[in-house]
Amino acid sequence: MSRIWLVTGASRGLGREITRAALDAGETVVATARSAAAIRDAFGDHDRLHPLALDITDAQAAHSVTAVTIRRFGVIDVLVNNAGYAELGFFETFTDAAVRRQFEVNVFGTMNVARAVAPSMRQRRSGLIITISSVSGLVSSSGGSVYSASKFAVEGWMEGFAQELAPLGVHSLVIEPGMLRTNFMDARSARFGSIDIPDYATAIAQYRNFVEGANGNQPGDPKLLAARIVALASQDEVPSRFVFGDDARQWAGAKIDQLRREIALSADRD
């Protein structure tokens, strides 16, 4: 039986691939993006695809899309909270407004959609919330401080929220990919700090060269990840986290090793 999926950020990148994989698996997808026309352009006509416009920073719009979906289909079985973007660069080069915009989309926008959908799942004692995070939600590095801060926040929120929902039959899966071959690093999805600070000039130039060189050459296959997500969503027992990609597993493993060393060192000094 076809389940009802609600996917945000569905017109491009990983969101588009998840939508396509769910449709290929026979699911029905309410696919959202800031422009419903962009979704129609990406997919054309499909009997089980239902495009809707949604800016996730608009809490009222998130509730409206949820209400429309439940009125039409009765349920939302799977929510994929995917929409987001990256502020890339050194922290001091970002204006306060840029940092707040990063959190408004990646954190508060994601919360808006979950807050709209969760009540219907609780009422049914059934549902799955899939949150697209990043290995940058586990590991931060030079040039990624602001983006990582938003993903660290998402990780902390969902880790606690998932435990609140679990006794009520609602499950959670957080996806932590490494670098994917999507348009995430192009100008429509990534932004750079705008404040010129000479002390950082050389390092920033090197970082921008890295980003430009990596764009389109990332090791991770978004189609493979999308297929894995759809398969995981069909399992009776869903893991709480899924780290995708050799790069992500290497970075996450190194962070775990570092924490273990630091915890041991802390214990030695008690």
Protein backbone atom coordinates (compact mmCIF):
# COMPACT_ATOMS: atom_id res chain seq x y z
CA MET A 1 0.00 0.00 0.00
CA SER A 2 1.34 3.42 -0.99
CA ARG A 3 2.41 5.58 1.93
CA ILE A 4 2.20 9.37 2.00
CA TRP A 5 5.52 11.22 2.10
CA LEU A 6 5.99 14.96 2.66
CA VAL A 7 9.37 16.16 1.39
CA THR A 8 10.76 19.68 1.77
CA GLY A 9 13.34 21.15 -0.60
CA ALA A 10 12.20 18.66 -3.22
CA SER A 11 12.99 20.55 -6.42
CA ARG A 12 16.78 20.20 -6.31
CA GLY A 13 19.67 18.19 -4.94
CA LEU A 14 19.11 15.39 -2.44
CA GLY A 15 15.46 16.35 -1.94
CA ARG A 16 14.77 15.74 -5.62
CA GLU A 17 16.52 12.36 -5.49
CA ILE A 18 14.60 11.30 -2.38
CA THR A 19 11.35 12.29 -4.06
CA ARG A 20 12.26 10.34 -7.18
CA ALA A 21 13.31 7.26 -5.18
CA ALA A 22 10.09 7.30 -3.16
CA LEU A 23 8.00 7.58 -6.32
CA ASP A 24 9.97 4.72 -7.89
CA ALA A 25 9.17 2.64 -4.79
CA GLY A 26 5.45 3.20 -5.35
CA GLU A 27 4.98 5.85 -2.68
CA THR A 28 2.86 9.00 -2.93
CA VAL A 29 4.86 12.19 -2.43
CA VAL A 30 3.72 15.67 -1.51
CA ALA A 31 6.82 17.49 -2.75
CA THR A 32 7.42 21.02 -1.54
CA ALA A 33 9.76 23.84 -2.43
CA ARG A 34 9.51 27.60 -2.42
CA SER A 35 8.14 27.26 -5.95
CA ALA A 36 5.72 24.49 -6.88
CA ALA A 37 6.50 25.22 -10.53
CA ALA A 38 10.14 24.26 -9.89
CA ILE A 39 8.95 20.82 -8.77
CA ARG A 40 6.79 20.40 -11.84
CA ASP A 41 9.76 21.42 -13.99
CA ALA A 42 11.95 18.84 -12.24
CA PHE A 43 9.51 15.91 -12.49
CA GLY A 44 6.84 16.66 -15.05
CA ASP A 45 3.45 15.04 -14.56
CA HIS A 46 3.22 12.06 -12.23
CA ASP A 47 0.06 10.52 -10.76
CA ARG A 48 1.58 10.12 -7.29
CA LEU A 49 3.44 13.44 -7.16
CA HIS A 50 1.69 16.44 -5.63
CA PRO A 51 3.70 19.69 -5.75
CA LEU A 52 3.04 22.41 -3.19
CA ALA A 53 4.80 25.71 -2.50
CA LEU A 54 6.37 25.99 0.95
CA ASP A 55 8.87 28.39 2.45
CA ILE A 56 9.82 26.52 5.61
CA THR A 57 10.61 29.76 7.46
CA ASP A 58 6.87 30.54 7.34
CA ALA A 59 5.33 28.59 10.22
CA GLN A 60 1.78 29.31 9.07
CA ALA A 61 2.60 27.97 5.59
CA ALA A 62 3.99 24.79 7.13
CA HIS A 63 0.73 24.25 9.01
CA SER A 64 -1.28 25.00 5.86
CA VAL A 65 0.66 22.48 3.74
CA THR A 66 0.25 19.89 6.48
CA ALA A 67 -3.49 20.53 6.70
CA VAL A 68 -3.92 20.35 2.92
CA THR A 69 -2.00 17.07 2.80
CA ILE A 70 -3.99 15.45 5.61
CA ARG A 71 -7.27 16.67 4.15
CA ARG A 72 -6.41 15.09 0.82
CA PHE A 73 -4.74 11.86 1.94
CA GLY A 74 -5.77 11.42 5.56
CA VAL A 75 -2.23 10.92 6.87
CA ILE A 76 1.43 11.84 6.56
CA ASP A 77 3.39 8.62 7.04
CA VAL A 78 6.88 9.97 6.38
CA LEU A 79 8.19 13.52 6.75
CA VAL A 80 11.53 14.29 5.10
CA ASN A 81 12.86 17.54 6.55
CA ASN A 82 15.43 18.24 3.84
CA ALA A 83 15.30 21.94 2.90
CA GLY A 84 18.38 23.95 3.86
CA TYR A 85 21.48 25.73 2.62
CA ALA A 86 25.03 26.56 3.74
CA GLU A 87 26.78 29.71 4.82
CA LEU A 88 30.41 28.89 4.02
CA GLY A 89 33.46 30.78 5.22
CA PHE A 90 35.16 32.07 8.33
CA PHE A 91 32.91 33.11 11.21
CA GLU A 92 34.07 36.74 11.49
CA THR A 93 33.35 37.35 7.81
CA PHE A 94 29.60 36.82 8.37
CA THR A 95 27.22 39.56 9.36
CA ASP A 96 24.88 38.91 12.25
CA ALA A 97 22.02 38.86 9.74
CA ALA A 98 23.70 36.11 7.71
CA VAL A 99 24.21 33.92 10.77
CA ARG A 100 20.61 34.44 11.85
CA ARG A 101 19.38 33.61 8.33
CA GLN A 102 21.34 30.34 8.46
CA PHE A 103 19.58 29.37 11.69
CA GLU A 104 16.21 30.67 10.49
CA VAL A 105 16.25 28.20 7.61
CA ASN A 106 18.25 25.21 8.82
CA VAL A 107 17.03 25.16 12.42
CA PHE A 108 13.83 27.12 12.92
CA GLY A 109 12.46 26.31 9.47
CA THR A 110 13.05 22.61 10.05
CA MET A 111 11.37 22.94 13.45
CA ASN A 112 8.39 24.69 11.84
CA VAL A 113 7.67 21.71 9.61
CA ALA A 114 8.17 19.12 12.36
CA ARG A 115 5.93 21.12 14.70
CA ALA A 116 3.22 21.16 12.03
CA VAL A 117 3.40 17.44 11.19
CA ALA A 118 4.12 15.81 14.56
CA PRO A 119 0.62 16.25 16.10
CA SER A 120 -1.05 14.12 13.42
CA MET A 121 1.60 11.42 13.83
CA ARG A 122 1.16 11.45 17.61
CA GLN A 123 -2.59 11.16 17.22
CA ARG A 124 -2.18 8.09 14.99
CA ARG A 125 0.68 6.69 17.14
CA SER A 126 2.56 6.16 13.89
CA GLY A 127 4.97 7.99 11.62
CA LEU A 128 8.59 8.59 10.71
CA ILE A 129 10.44 11.92 10.72
CA ILE A 130 13.57 11.87 8.59
CA THR A 131 15.88 14.83 9.17
CA ILE A 132 18.62 15.59 6.67
CA SER A 133 21.56 16.75 8.73
CA SER A 134 25.21 16.37 7.72
CA VAL A 135 28.45 14.96 9.03
CA SER A 136 28.99 18.68 9.70
CA GLY A 137 26.44 18.21 12.47
CA LEU A 138 28.98 15.96 14.16
CA VAL A 139 32.28 17.53 13.10
CA SER A 140 33.11 21.17 12.47
CA SER A 141 36.12 22.59 10.69
CA SER A 142 37.62 25.83 9.42
CA GLY A 143 35.26 27.46 6.96
CA GLY A 144 32.23 25.56 8.20
CA SER A 145 31.64 27.04 11.64
CA VAL A 146 28.30 28.73 10.92
CA TYR A 147 26.84 25.91 8.83
CA SER A 148 28.03 23.34 11.37
CA ALA A 149 26.55 25.37 14.21
CA SER A 150 23.12 25.11 12.54
CA LYS A 151 23.49 21.36 11.99
CA PHE A 152 24.82 20.77 15.52
CA ALA A 153 21.64 22.52 16.72
CA VAL A 154 19.46 20.28 14.54
CA GLU A 155 21.23 17.19 15.86
CA GLY A 156 20.76 18.18 19.49
CA TRP A 157 17.12 19.10 18.98
CA MET A 158 16.23 15.89 17.14
CA GLU A 159 18.12 13.66 19.56
CA GLY A 160 15.93 14.90 22.38
CA PHE A 161 12.72 15.28 20.34
CA ALA A 162 13.06 11.71 19.06
CA GLN A 163 13.08 10.41 22.63
CA GLU A 164 9.95 12.44 23.39
CA LEU A 165 8.15 11.00 20.34
CA ALA A 166 9.26 7.37 20.57
CA PRO A 167 6.87 6.30 23.37
CA LEU A 168 4.03 7.63 21.21
CA GLY A 169 4.88 5.47 18.21
CA VAL A 170 6.63 8.14 16.15
CA HIS A 171 10.13 7.30 14.96
CA SER A 172 13.08 9.46 13.92
CA LEU A 173 15.97 9.00 11.50
CA VAL A 174 18.76 11.57 11.18
CA ILE A 175 20.81 11.38 7.98
CA GLU A 176 24.46 12.50 8.18
CA PRO A 177 25.99 12.52 4.70
CA GLY A 178 29.48 13.49 3.73
CA MET A 179 30.05 15.45 0.54
CA LEU A 180 27.41 14.65 -2.09
CA ARG A 181 27.49 15.35 -5.83
CA THR A 182 24.62 17.82 -5.73
CA ASN A 183 24.37 21.56 -6.37
CA PHE A 184 24.72 22.20 -2.63
CA MET A 185 27.97 24.10 -3.14
CA ASP A 186 26.83 26.26 -6.03
CA ALA A 187 25.73 29.87 -5.70
CA ARG A 188 22.02 28.99 -5.30
CA SER A 189 22.63 26.81 -2.25
CA ALA A 190 25.81 28.13 -0.63
CA ARG A 191 26.77 31.65 0.41
CA PHE A 192 30.07 33.11 1.55
CA GLY A 193 30.82 35.65 4.26
CA SER A 194 30.80 39.26 3.07
CA ILE A 195 33.14 41.00 5.55
CA ASP A 196 36.72 41.47 4.39
CA ILE A 197 39.28 40.63 7.10
CA PRO A 198 42.91 40.75 5.88
CA ASP A 199 44.15 38.34 8.58
CA TYR A 200 42.05 35.61 7.00
CA ALA A 201 42.60 36.57 3.35
CA THR A 202 45.02 33.78 2.40
CA ALA A 203 43.14 31.06 4.27
CA ILE A 204 39.80 32.19 2.82
CA ALA A 205 41.18 32.20 -0.71
CA GLN A 206 42.41 28.63 -0.19
CA TYR A 207 39.05 27.60 1.22
CA ARG A 208 37.12 29.11 -1.69
CA ASN A 209 39.41 27.34 -4.13
CA PHE A 210 38.64 24.09 -2.30
CA VAL A 211 34.89 24.68 -2.52
CA GLU A 212 35.03 25.59 -6.21
CA GLY A 213 37.14 22.53 -6.96
CA ALA A 214 34.90 20.22 -4.94
CA ASN A 215 31.64 21.48 -6.47
CA GLY A 216 30.44 18.76 -8.82
CA ASN A 217 33.26 16.41 -7.84
CA GLN A 218 32.04 15.29 -4.43
CA PRO A 219 32.50 11.57 -3.75
CA GLY A 220 28.98 10.78 -2.49
CA ASP A 221 26.24 9.62 -4.86
CA PRO A 222 22.93 11.32 -3.94
CA LYS A 223 20.91 8.74 -5.88
CA LEU A 224 22.42 5.95 -3.79
CA LEU A 225 21.73 7.82 -0.56
CA ALA A 226 18.15 8.51 -1.64
CA ALA A 227 17.59 4.81 -2.33
CA ARG A 228 19.06 3.93 1.06
CA ILE A 229 16.78 6.42 2.80
CA VAL A 230 13.67 4.97 1.14
CA ALA A 231 14.81 1.45 2.04
CA LEU A 232 15.48 2.43 5.67
CA ALA A 233 12.04 4.04 5.88
CA SER A 234 10.51 0.67 4.98
CA GLN A 235 12.23 -1.25 7.78
CA ASP A 236 10.36 -2.33 10.88
CA GLU A 237 13.18 -0.98 13.04
CA VAL A 238 14.72 2.27 11.85
CA PRO A 239 18.12 3.38 13.18
CA SER A 240 18.28 6.74 14.88
CA ARG A 241 21.21 7.85 12.69
CA PHE A 242 22.66 6.92 9.31
CA VAL A 243 26.16 8.16 8.42
CA PHE A 244 26.62 8.04 4.65
CA GLY A 245 29.89 8.04 2.73
CA ASP A 246 33.46 6.97 3.41
CA ASP A 247 34.45 10.58 4.05
CA ALA A 248 31.66 11.05 6.61
CA ARG A 249 32.53 7.81 8.41
CA GLN A 250 36.21 8.75 8.50
CA TRP A 251 35.51 12.25 9.91
CA ALA A 252 32.95 10.96 12.41
CA GLY A 253 35.28 8.16 13.50
CA ALA A 254 38.14 10.60 14.01
CA LYS A 255 35.87 12.81 16.12
CA ILE A 256 34.86 9.83 18.26
CA ASP A 257 38.52 8.90 18.76
CA GLN A 258 39.33 12.50 19.71
CA LEU A 259 36.49 12.61 22.23
CA ARG A 260 37.60 9.32 23.76
CA ARG A 261 41.14 10.65 24.19
CA GLU A 262 39.88 13.87 25.73
CA ILE A 263 37.46 12.07 28.04
CA ALA A 264 40.26 9.78 29.20
CA LEU A 265 42.53 12.78 29.76
CA SER A 266 39.79 14.50 31.75
CA ALA A 267 39.37 11.43 33.94
CA ASP A 268 43.11 11.32 34.61
CA ARG A 269 42.95 14.88 35.93
CA ASP A 270 39.98 14.46 38.29
